[in-house]
């Protein structure tokens, strides 16, 4: 199975995805996190933030997730993946495995207020080009398998929602 977390930067994707992996492992399930920031540093160093590069990042993450799922590991992906078409392509690439798209919904003002890495501030000052939510769009999923209200609920409650859905 692949659990694909999508949402704006600083929405809480990695926080919830990490907790899901920990809970799955505590249940004796083999699970692995594929985090967008880590993937950028390791297998996607050659990519920028153009639409084509973002789509390639999603493709690479999907291929890695499928490879994990092929071996019986639950692949948990935390990746902005801002474009609907790329997310649909990821789902198709991961077939025949079950694919759960989880939209971590944090409005722009909430994500900006969190901003643990200072990325929104830097983007607003013009230091980061093509930043999702500022000068590059985030296309909200039209019908995600699960929508998490990250503005209203704490990470533990969001994790509970995902785990309930996985049961």
N, C-alpha and C. Protein backbone atom coordinates (compact mmCIF):
# COMPACT_ATOMS: atom_id res chain seq x y z
N UNK A 1 0.84 -1.18 0.00
CA UNK A 1 0.00 0.00 0.00
C UNK A 1 0.87 1.24 0.00
N UNK A 2 0.35 2.29 -0.61
CA UNK A 2 1.01 3.59 -0.62
C UNK A 2 0.06 4.59 0.03
N UNK A 3 0.55 5.33 1.00
CA UNK A 3 -0.22 6.41 1.63
C UNK A 3 0.49 7.70 1.22
N UNK A 4 -0.20 8.51 0.42
CA UNK A 4 0.41 9.71 -0.20
C UNK A 4 -0.16 10.96 0.45
N UNK A 5 0.67 11.64 1.26
CA UNK A 5 0.27 12.89 1.90
C UNK A 5 0.62 14.05 0.98
N UNK A 6 -0.35 14.90 0.70
CA UNK A 6 -0.14 16.09 -0.11
C UNK A 6 -0.70 17.28 0.65
N UNK A 7 -0.16 18.44 0.38
CA UNK A 7 -0.62 19.67 1.02
C UNK A 7 0.44 20.74 0.87
N UNK A 8 0.07 21.95 1.22
CA UNK A 8 1.01 23.07 1.13
C UNK A 8 2.23 22.85 2.01
N UNK A 9 3.33 23.55 1.70
CA UNK A 9 4.47 23.52 2.63
C UNK A 9 4.00 23.97 4.01
N UNK A 10 4.47 23.31 5.05
CA UNK A 10 4.16 23.60 6.45
C UNK A 10 2.72 23.26 6.84
N UNK A 11 2.05 22.43 6.05
CA UNK A 11 0.69 22.01 6.39
C UNK A 11 0.69 20.98 7.51
N UNK A 12 1.79 20.23 7.63
CA UNK A 12 1.87 19.18 8.65
C UNK A 12 1.99 17.78 8.07
N UNK A 13 2.27 17.69 6.79
CA UNK A 13 2.37 16.38 6.12
C UNK A 13 3.40 15.47 6.77
N UNK A 14 4.62 15.96 6.93
CA UNK A 14 5.69 15.13 7.47
C UNK A 14 5.42 14.75 8.92
N UNK A 15 4.88 15.67 9.69
CA UNK A 15 4.57 15.38 11.10
C UNK A 15 3.59 14.22 11.21
N UNK A 16 2.51 14.28 10.46
CA UNK A 16 1.50 13.23 10.52
C UNK A 16 2.02 11.94 9.88
N UNK A 17 2.69 12.06 8.75
CA UNK A 17 3.22 10.88 8.07
C UNK A 17 4.21 10.13 8.96
N UNK A 18 5.07 10.86 9.66
CA UNK A 18 6.03 10.23 10.57
C UNK A 18 5.30 9.48 11.68
N UNK A 19 4.27 10.08 12.24
CA UNK A 19 3.50 9.43 13.29
C UNK A 19 2.79 8.18 12.78
N UNK A 20 2.29 8.24 11.54
CA UNK A 20 1.64 7.07 10.95
C UNK A 20 2.65 5.93 10.80
N UNK A 21 3.82 6.24 10.30
CA UNK A 21 4.87 5.21 10.16
C UNK A 21 5.19 4.60 11.52
N UNK A 22 5.35 5.44 12.53
CA UNK A 22 5.68 4.93 13.87
C UNK A 22 4.58 4.02 14.40
N UNK A 23 3.33 4.40 14.18
CA UNK A 23 2.22 3.57 14.66
C UNK A 23 2.14 2.25 13.89
N UNK A 24 2.34 2.31 12.59
CA UNK A 24 2.33 1.07 11.80
C UNK A 24 3.44 0.13 12.27
N UNK A 25 4.61 0.68 12.49
CA UNK A 25 5.74 -0.14 12.96
C UNK A 25 5.46 -0.72 14.35
N UNK A 26 4.81 0.05 15.21
CA UNK A 26 4.46 -0.44 16.55
C UNK A 26 3.46 -1.60 16.47
N UNK A 27 2.69 -1.65 15.40
CA UNK A 27 1.73 -2.74 15.17
C UNK A 27 2.40 -3.94 14.50
N UNK A 28 3.70 -3.82 14.23
CA UNK A 28 4.41 -4.91 13.58
C UNK A 28 4.39 -4.86 12.07
N UNK A 29 3.91 -3.75 11.51
CA UNK A 29 3.88 -3.60 10.06
C UNK A 29 5.18 -2.98 9.60
N UNK A 30 5.61 -3.38 8.43
CA UNK A 30 6.79 -2.78 7.84
C UNK A 30 6.34 -1.53 7.09
N UNK A 31 6.87 -0.37 7.49
CA UNK A 31 6.48 0.90 6.89
C UNK A 31 7.71 1.78 6.76
N UNK A 32 7.72 2.58 5.71
CA UNK A 32 8.86 3.47 5.44
C UNK A 32 8.35 4.83 4.98
N UNK A 33 8.94 5.89 5.52
CA UNK A 33 8.60 7.25 5.13
C UNK A 33 9.48 7.69 3.97
N UNK A 34 8.87 8.26 2.96
CA UNK A 34 9.57 8.94 1.87
C UNK A 34 9.17 10.41 1.99
N UNK A 35 10.08 11.21 2.53
CA UNK A 35 9.80 12.61 2.78
C UNK A 35 10.35 13.48 1.65
N UNK A 36 9.56 14.43 1.20
CA UNK A 36 9.96 15.28 0.09
C UNK A 36 11.28 16.00 0.29
N UNK A 37 11.51 16.53 1.49
CA UNK A 37 12.77 17.24 1.75
C UNK A 37 13.97 16.30 1.64
N UNK A 38 13.82 15.09 2.18
CA UNK A 38 14.91 14.11 2.12
C UNK A 38 15.13 13.67 0.68
N UNK A 39 14.05 13.41 -0.04
CA UNK A 39 14.18 13.01 -1.45
C UNK A 39 14.90 14.09 -2.26
N UNK A 40 14.58 15.35 -1.98
CA UNK A 40 15.25 16.46 -2.69
C UNK A 40 16.75 16.45 -2.44
N UNK A 41 17.15 16.15 -1.23
CA UNK A 41 18.58 16.14 -0.89
C UNK A 41 19.29 14.91 -1.45
N UNK A 42 18.57 13.80 -1.61
CA UNK A 42 19.23 12.54 -1.94
C UNK A 42 19.07 12.10 -3.39
N UNK A 43 17.84 11.96 -3.87
CA UNK A 43 17.68 11.43 -5.24
C UNK A 43 17.22 12.47 -6.24
N UNK A 44 16.94 13.66 -5.76
CA UNK A 44 16.46 14.70 -6.69
C UNK A 44 17.27 15.98 -6.59
N UNK A 45 18.55 15.84 -6.29
CA UNK A 45 19.42 17.02 -6.19
C UNK A 45 19.48 17.78 -7.51
N UNK A 46 19.25 17.07 -8.60
CA UNK A 46 19.36 17.67 -9.92
C UNK A 46 18.12 18.45 -10.33
N UNK A 47 17.08 18.46 -9.50
CA UNK A 47 15.82 19.09 -9.87
C UNK A 47 15.66 20.46 -9.22
N UNK A 48 15.01 21.33 -9.96
CA UNK A 48 14.65 22.64 -9.42
C UNK A 48 13.18 22.63 -9.04
N UNK A 49 12.51 23.77 -9.25
CA UNK A 49 11.12 23.88 -8.84
C UNK A 49 10.19 24.30 -9.98
N UNK A 50 10.67 24.10 -11.22
CA UNK A 50 9.79 24.35 -12.36
C UNK A 50 8.68 23.30 -12.33
N UNK A 51 7.65 23.51 -13.10
CA UNK A 51 6.56 22.52 -13.15
C UNK A 51 7.10 21.16 -13.60
N UNK A 52 7.94 21.14 -14.60
CA UNK A 52 8.49 19.87 -15.09
C UNK A 52 9.32 19.18 -14.00
N UNK A 53 10.11 19.94 -13.26
CA UNK A 53 10.92 19.37 -12.20
C UNK A 53 10.06 18.87 -11.05
N UNK A 54 9.01 19.60 -10.71
CA UNK A 54 8.10 19.15 -9.65
C UNK A 54 7.41 17.85 -10.07
N UNK A 55 6.98 17.79 -11.33
CA UNK A 55 6.35 16.56 -11.82
C UNK A 55 7.33 15.39 -11.80
N UNK A 56 8.59 15.65 -12.11
CA UNK A 56 9.60 14.59 -12.06
C UNK A 56 9.85 14.15 -10.62
N UNK A 57 9.83 15.08 -9.69
CA UNK A 57 9.98 14.72 -8.27
C UNK A 57 8.85 13.79 -7.84
N UNK A 58 7.64 14.08 -8.25
CA UNK A 58 6.49 13.23 -7.92
C UNK A 58 6.66 11.86 -8.57
N UNK A 59 7.10 11.83 -9.81
CA UNK A 59 7.30 10.55 -10.51
C UNK A 59 8.34 9.70 -9.77
N UNK A 60 9.44 10.31 -9.38
CA UNK A 60 10.49 9.57 -8.67
C UNK A 60 9.98 9.03 -7.33
N UNK A 61 9.23 9.86 -6.62
CA UNK A 61 8.68 9.42 -5.34
C UNK A 61 7.71 8.26 -5.55
N UNK A 62 6.90 8.33 -6.59
CA UNK A 62 5.95 7.26 -6.87
C UNK A 62 6.68 5.96 -7.21
N UNK A 63 7.74 6.06 -7.99
CA UNK A 63 8.50 4.85 -8.34
C UNK A 63 9.16 4.24 -7.11
N UNK A 64 9.69 5.07 -6.23
CA UNK A 64 10.29 4.56 -5.00
C UNK A 64 9.22 3.93 -4.10
N UNK A 65 8.06 4.57 -4.03
CA UNK A 65 6.96 4.03 -3.22
C UNK A 65 6.50 2.68 -3.77
N UNK A 66 6.38 2.60 -5.07
CA UNK A 66 5.97 1.33 -5.68
C UNK A 66 6.99 0.24 -5.40
N UNK A 67 8.26 0.57 -5.50
CA UNK A 67 9.30 -0.43 -5.22
C UNK A 67 9.19 -0.93 -3.79
N UNK A 68 8.94 -0.03 -2.84
CA UNK A 68 8.75 -0.45 -1.45
C UNK A 68 7.52 -1.34 -1.32
N UNK A 69 6.41 -0.90 -1.91
CA UNK A 69 5.17 -1.68 -1.82
C UNK A 69 5.33 -3.06 -2.47
N UNK A 70 6.13 -3.14 -3.52
CA UNK A 70 6.39 -4.44 -4.17
C UNK A 70 7.01 -5.44 -3.20
N UNK A 71 7.71 -4.94 -2.19
CA UNK A 71 8.37 -5.82 -1.22
C UNK A 71 7.54 -6.00 0.05
N UNK A 72 6.32 -5.48 0.06
CA UNK A 72 5.44 -5.64 1.22
C UNK A 72 5.52 -4.53 2.24
N UNK A 73 6.25 -3.49 1.94
CA UNK A 73 6.39 -2.36 2.86
C UNK A 73 5.28 -1.35 2.57
N UNK A 74 4.69 -0.80 3.63
CA UNK A 74 3.74 0.30 3.45
C UNK A 74 4.57 1.55 3.20
N UNK A 75 4.45 2.11 2.02
CA UNK A 75 5.19 3.32 1.66
C UNK A 75 4.35 4.53 2.03
N UNK A 76 4.90 5.39 2.86
CA UNK A 76 4.22 6.60 3.30
C UNK A 76 4.99 7.78 2.72
N UNK A 77 4.35 8.49 1.81
CA UNK A 77 4.99 9.59 1.09
C UNK A 77 4.45 10.91 1.63
N UNK A 78 5.35 11.82 1.99
CA UNK A 78 4.97 13.18 2.41
C UNK A 78 5.62 14.14 1.43
N UNK A 79 4.82 14.65 0.51
CA UNK A 79 5.36 15.44 -0.60
C UNK A 79 4.34 16.49 -1.01
N UNK A 80 4.77 17.74 -1.13
CA UNK A 80 3.84 18.80 -1.52
C UNK A 80 3.03 18.36 -2.74
N UNK A 81 3.68 17.84 -3.74
CA UNK A 81 3.03 17.39 -4.99
C UNK A 81 1.86 18.32 -5.36
N UNK A 82 2.19 19.53 -5.82
CA UNK A 82 1.17 20.57 -5.95
C UNK A 82 0.19 20.43 -7.11
N UNK A 83 0.47 19.56 -8.06
CA UNK A 83 -0.38 19.53 -9.26
C UNK A 83 -1.22 18.26 -9.32
N UNK A 84 -2.51 18.43 -9.57
CA UNK A 84 -3.45 17.30 -9.63
C UNK A 84 -3.02 16.24 -10.64
N UNK A 85 -2.60 16.69 -11.81
CA UNK A 85 -2.22 15.74 -12.86
C UNK A 85 -1.05 14.86 -12.42
N UNK A 86 -0.08 15.44 -11.76
CA UNK A 86 1.08 14.67 -11.28
C UNK A 86 0.66 13.68 -10.20
N UNK A 87 -0.27 14.09 -9.32
CA UNK A 87 -0.75 13.16 -8.29
C UNK A 87 -1.52 12.01 -8.92
N UNK A 88 -2.30 12.30 -9.95
CA UNK A 88 -3.02 11.22 -10.64
C UNK A 88 -2.03 10.28 -11.32
N UNK A 89 -0.97 10.84 -11.88
CA UNK A 89 0.06 10.02 -12.50
C UNK A 89 0.75 9.15 -11.46
N UNK A 90 1.01 9.69 -10.28
CA UNK A 90 1.62 8.91 -9.20
C UNK A 90 0.73 7.74 -8.83
N UNK A 91 -0.56 7.98 -8.71
CA UNK A 91 -1.51 6.90 -8.39
C UNK A 91 -1.43 5.81 -9.46
N UNK A 92 -1.42 6.21 -10.71
CA UNK A 92 -1.36 5.23 -11.81
C UNK A 92 -0.05 4.45 -11.79
N UNK A 93 1.06 5.13 -11.51
CA UNK A 93 2.36 4.45 -11.45
C UNK A 93 2.43 3.43 -10.32
N UNK A 94 1.68 3.67 -9.26
CA UNK A 94 1.74 2.79 -8.09
C UNK A 94 0.83 1.57 -8.21
N UNK A 95 0.02 1.51 -9.25
CA UNK A 95 -0.84 0.34 -9.46
C UNK A 95 0.03 -0.89 -9.62
N UNK A 96 -0.40 -2.01 -9.13
CA UNK A 96 -1.73 -2.36 -8.64
C UNK A 96 -1.90 -2.17 -7.14
N UNK A 97 -0.98 -1.51 -6.47
CA UNK A 97 -1.07 -1.36 -5.03
C UNK A 97 -2.17 -0.38 -4.64
N UNK A 98 -2.74 -0.60 -3.46
CA UNK A 98 -3.71 0.35 -2.92
C UNK A 98 -3.00 1.69 -2.73
N UNK A 99 -3.70 2.75 -3.03
CA UNK A 99 -3.14 4.10 -2.98
C UNK A 99 -4.13 4.99 -2.25
N UNK A 100 -3.71 5.55 -1.13
CA UNK A 100 -4.56 6.41 -0.34
C UNK A 100 -4.01 7.83 -0.41
N UNK A 101 -4.74 8.72 -1.09
CA UNK A 101 -4.32 10.12 -1.16
C UNK A 101 -4.89 10.86 0.04
N UNK A 102 -4.00 11.40 0.86
CA UNK A 102 -4.38 12.12 2.07
C UNK A 102 -4.03 13.59 1.88
N UNK A 103 -5.07 14.42 1.88
CA UNK A 103 -4.87 15.86 1.72
C UNK A 103 -4.79 16.49 3.11
N UNK A 104 -3.63 17.02 3.45
CA UNK A 104 -3.45 17.73 4.71
C UNK A 104 -3.80 19.18 4.43
N UNK A 105 -5.01 19.54 4.82
CA UNK A 105 -5.59 20.83 4.46
C UNK A 105 -5.26 21.87 5.52
N UNK A 106 -4.34 22.73 5.20
CA UNK A 106 -4.01 23.89 6.03
C UNK A 106 -4.07 25.10 5.11
N UNK A 107 -5.00 26.01 5.34
CA UNK A 107 -5.06 27.21 4.51
C UNK A 107 -3.72 27.95 4.50
N UNK A 108 -3.51 28.72 3.46
CA UNK A 108 -2.24 29.43 3.30
C UNK A 108 -1.86 30.23 4.53
N UNK A 109 -2.80 30.95 5.13
CA UNK A 109 -2.47 31.76 6.30
C UNK A 109 -2.01 30.90 7.48
N UNK A 110 -2.58 29.71 7.63
CA UNK A 110 -2.17 28.81 8.71
C UNK A 110 -0.77 28.27 8.43
N UNK A 111 -0.54 27.82 7.20
CA UNK A 111 0.78 27.30 6.83
C UNK A 111 1.85 28.38 6.99
N UNK A 112 1.53 29.58 6.56
CA UNK A 112 2.49 30.69 6.69
C UNK A 112 2.78 31.01 8.15
N UNK A 113 1.78 30.94 8.99
CA UNK A 113 1.98 31.23 10.42
C UNK A 113 2.88 30.18 11.07
N UNK A 114 2.79 28.94 10.60
CA UNK A 114 3.63 27.86 11.15
C UNK A 114 5.06 28.02 10.65
N UNK A 115 5.24 27.98 9.37
CA UNK A 115 6.50 28.23 8.66
C UNK A 115 7.76 27.90 9.47
N UNK A 116 7.95 26.63 9.88
CA UNK A 116 9.09 26.30 10.74
C UNK A 116 10.46 26.55 10.12
N UNK A 117 10.53 26.56 8.79
CA UNK A 117 11.82 26.75 8.12
C UNK A 117 12.00 28.17 7.60
N UNK A 118 11.00 29.03 7.78
CA UNK A 118 11.09 30.39 7.30
C UNK A 118 10.97 30.52 5.79
N UNK A 119 10.45 29.50 5.14
CA UNK A 119 10.40 29.50 3.67
C UNK A 119 9.41 30.51 3.10
N UNK A 120 8.25 30.64 3.73
CA UNK A 120 7.27 31.62 3.23
C UNK A 120 7.84 33.03 3.34
N UNK A 121 8.47 33.34 4.45
CA UNK A 121 9.06 34.69 4.61
C UNK A 121 10.10 34.94 3.52
N UNK A 122 10.93 33.93 3.27
CA UNK A 122 11.95 34.09 2.24
C UNK A 122 11.31 34.24 0.86
N UNK A 123 10.26 33.48 0.59
CA UNK A 123 9.58 33.58 -0.71
C UNK A 123 8.93 34.95 -0.87
N UNK A 124 8.34 35.46 0.18
CA UNK A 124 7.70 36.79 0.10
C UNK A 124 8.73 37.89 -0.10
N UNK A 125 9.95 37.67 0.37
CA UNK A 125 11.02 38.65 0.15
C UNK A 125 11.68 38.47 -1.22
N UNK A 126 11.25 37.47 -1.99
CA UNK A 126 11.81 37.24 -3.31
C UNK A 126 13.07 36.40 -3.32
N UNK A 127 13.40 35.78 -2.20
CA UNK A 127 14.62 34.98 -2.10
C UNK A 127 14.42 33.55 -2.64
N UNK A 128 13.18 33.10 -2.70
CA UNK A 128 12.86 31.77 -3.23
C UNK A 128 11.85 31.95 -4.36
N UNK A 129 12.22 31.52 -5.54
CA UNK A 129 11.31 31.64 -6.69
C UNK A 129 10.47 30.36 -6.81
N UNK A 130 9.30 30.51 -7.39
CA UNK A 130 8.39 29.40 -7.68
C UNK A 130 8.03 28.61 -6.42
N UNK A 131 7.79 29.34 -5.33
CA UNK A 131 7.44 28.70 -4.07
C UNK A 131 5.94 28.44 -4.04
N UNK A 132 5.58 27.21 -3.72
CA UNK A 132 4.17 26.80 -3.72
C UNK A 132 3.37 27.65 -2.75
N UNK A 133 2.29 28.23 -3.27
CA UNK A 133 1.40 29.06 -2.47
C UNK A 133 1.70 30.53 -2.57
N UNK A 134 2.89 30.87 -3.04
CA UNK A 134 3.24 32.29 -3.18
C UNK A 134 3.28 32.67 -4.65
N UNK A 135 4.21 32.12 -5.42
CA UNK A 135 4.25 32.43 -6.84
C UNK A 135 4.15 31.18 -7.72
N UNK A 136 3.75 30.08 -7.11
CA UNK A 136 3.47 28.85 -7.83
C UNK A 136 2.24 28.25 -7.17
N UNK A 137 1.30 27.72 -7.96
CA UNK A 137 0.03 27.27 -7.37
C UNK A 137 0.13 25.95 -6.62
N UNK A 138 -0.81 25.77 -5.72
CA UNK A 138 -1.09 24.46 -5.13
C UNK A 138 -2.51 24.12 -5.55
N UNK A 139 -2.65 23.04 -6.32
CA UNK A 139 -3.97 22.63 -6.79
C UNK A 139 -4.58 21.67 -5.76
N UNK A 140 -5.57 22.17 -5.06
CA UNK A 140 -6.25 21.39 -4.03
C UNK A 140 -6.84 20.13 -4.64
N UNK A 141 -6.66 18.98 -3.99
CA UNK A 141 -7.28 17.76 -4.52
C UNK A 141 -8.80 17.91 -4.61
N UNK A 142 -9.36 17.46 -5.71
CA UNK A 142 -10.81 17.56 -5.90
C UNK A 142 -11.55 16.49 -5.12
N UNK A 143 -10.97 15.31 -5.03
CA UNK A 143 -11.63 14.23 -4.28
C UNK A 143 -10.58 13.31 -3.66
N UNK A 144 -9.88 13.83 -2.64
CA UNK A 144 -8.87 12.99 -1.97
C UNK A 144 -9.57 11.82 -1.27
N UNK A 145 -8.81 10.78 -1.02
CA UNK A 145 -9.37 9.65 -0.29
C UNK A 145 -9.65 10.02 1.16
N UNK A 146 -8.86 10.97 1.67
CA UNK A 146 -9.03 11.43 3.05
C UNK A 146 -8.57 12.88 3.12
N UNK A 147 -9.37 13.73 3.74
CA UNK A 147 -9.01 15.13 3.95
C UNK A 147 -8.83 15.35 5.44
N UNK A 148 -7.67 15.87 5.82
CA UNK A 148 -7.38 16.16 7.22
C UNK A 148 -7.43 17.66 7.44
N UNK A 149 -8.20 18.10 8.41
CA UNK A 149 -8.32 19.52 8.73
C UNK A 149 -7.19 19.92 9.67
N UNK A 150 -6.06 20.26 9.08
CA UNK A 150 -4.87 20.57 9.87
C UNK A 150 -4.95 21.92 10.57
N UNK A 151 -5.91 22.74 10.21
CA UNK A 151 -6.08 24.02 10.87
C UNK A 151 -6.87 23.85 12.18
N UNK A 152 -7.69 22.82 12.25
CA UNK A 152 -8.59 22.65 13.40
C UNK A 152 -8.14 21.58 14.39
N UNK A 153 -7.38 20.59 13.92
CA UNK A 153 -7.05 19.46 14.77
C UNK A 153 -5.55 19.32 14.99
N UNK A 154 -5.15 18.82 16.15
CA UNK A 154 -3.72 18.61 16.41
C UNK A 154 -3.21 17.38 15.66
N UNK A 155 -1.90 17.28 15.47
CA UNK A 155 -1.34 16.15 14.73
C UNK A 155 -1.77 14.77 15.23
N UNK A 156 -1.89 14.59 16.54
CA UNK A 156 -2.28 13.28 17.07
C UNK A 156 -3.68 12.89 16.59
N UNK A 157 -4.59 13.84 16.54
CA UNK A 157 -5.95 13.56 16.06
C UNK A 157 -5.94 13.25 14.56
N UNK A 158 -5.11 13.97 13.81
CA UNK A 158 -5.00 13.71 12.38
C UNK A 158 -4.42 12.32 12.14
N UNK A 159 -3.45 11.95 12.94
CA UNK A 159 -2.86 10.61 12.83
C UNK A 159 -3.91 9.55 13.14
N UNK A 160 -4.73 9.80 14.16
CA UNK A 160 -5.82 8.87 14.49
C UNK A 160 -6.75 8.67 13.29
N UNK A 161 -7.07 9.76 12.58
CA UNK A 161 -7.95 9.68 11.42
C UNK A 161 -7.34 8.78 10.33
N UNK A 162 -6.05 8.96 10.09
CA UNK A 162 -5.39 8.15 9.06
C UNK A 162 -5.39 6.68 9.48
N UNK A 163 -5.05 6.43 10.72
CA UNK A 163 -4.98 5.04 11.19
C UNK A 163 -6.36 4.38 11.13
N UNK A 164 -7.39 5.13 11.46
CA UNK A 164 -8.75 4.59 11.37
C UNK A 164 -9.08 4.22 9.93
N UNK A 165 -8.68 5.08 9.01
CA UNK A 165 -8.93 4.81 7.59
C UNK A 165 -8.14 3.59 7.09
N UNK A 166 -6.92 3.43 7.61
CA UNK A 166 -6.09 2.31 7.20
C UNK A 166 -6.64 0.97 7.71
N UNK A 167 -7.37 0.99 8.81
CA UNK A 167 -7.96 -0.24 9.33
C UNK A 167 -9.01 -0.73 8.37
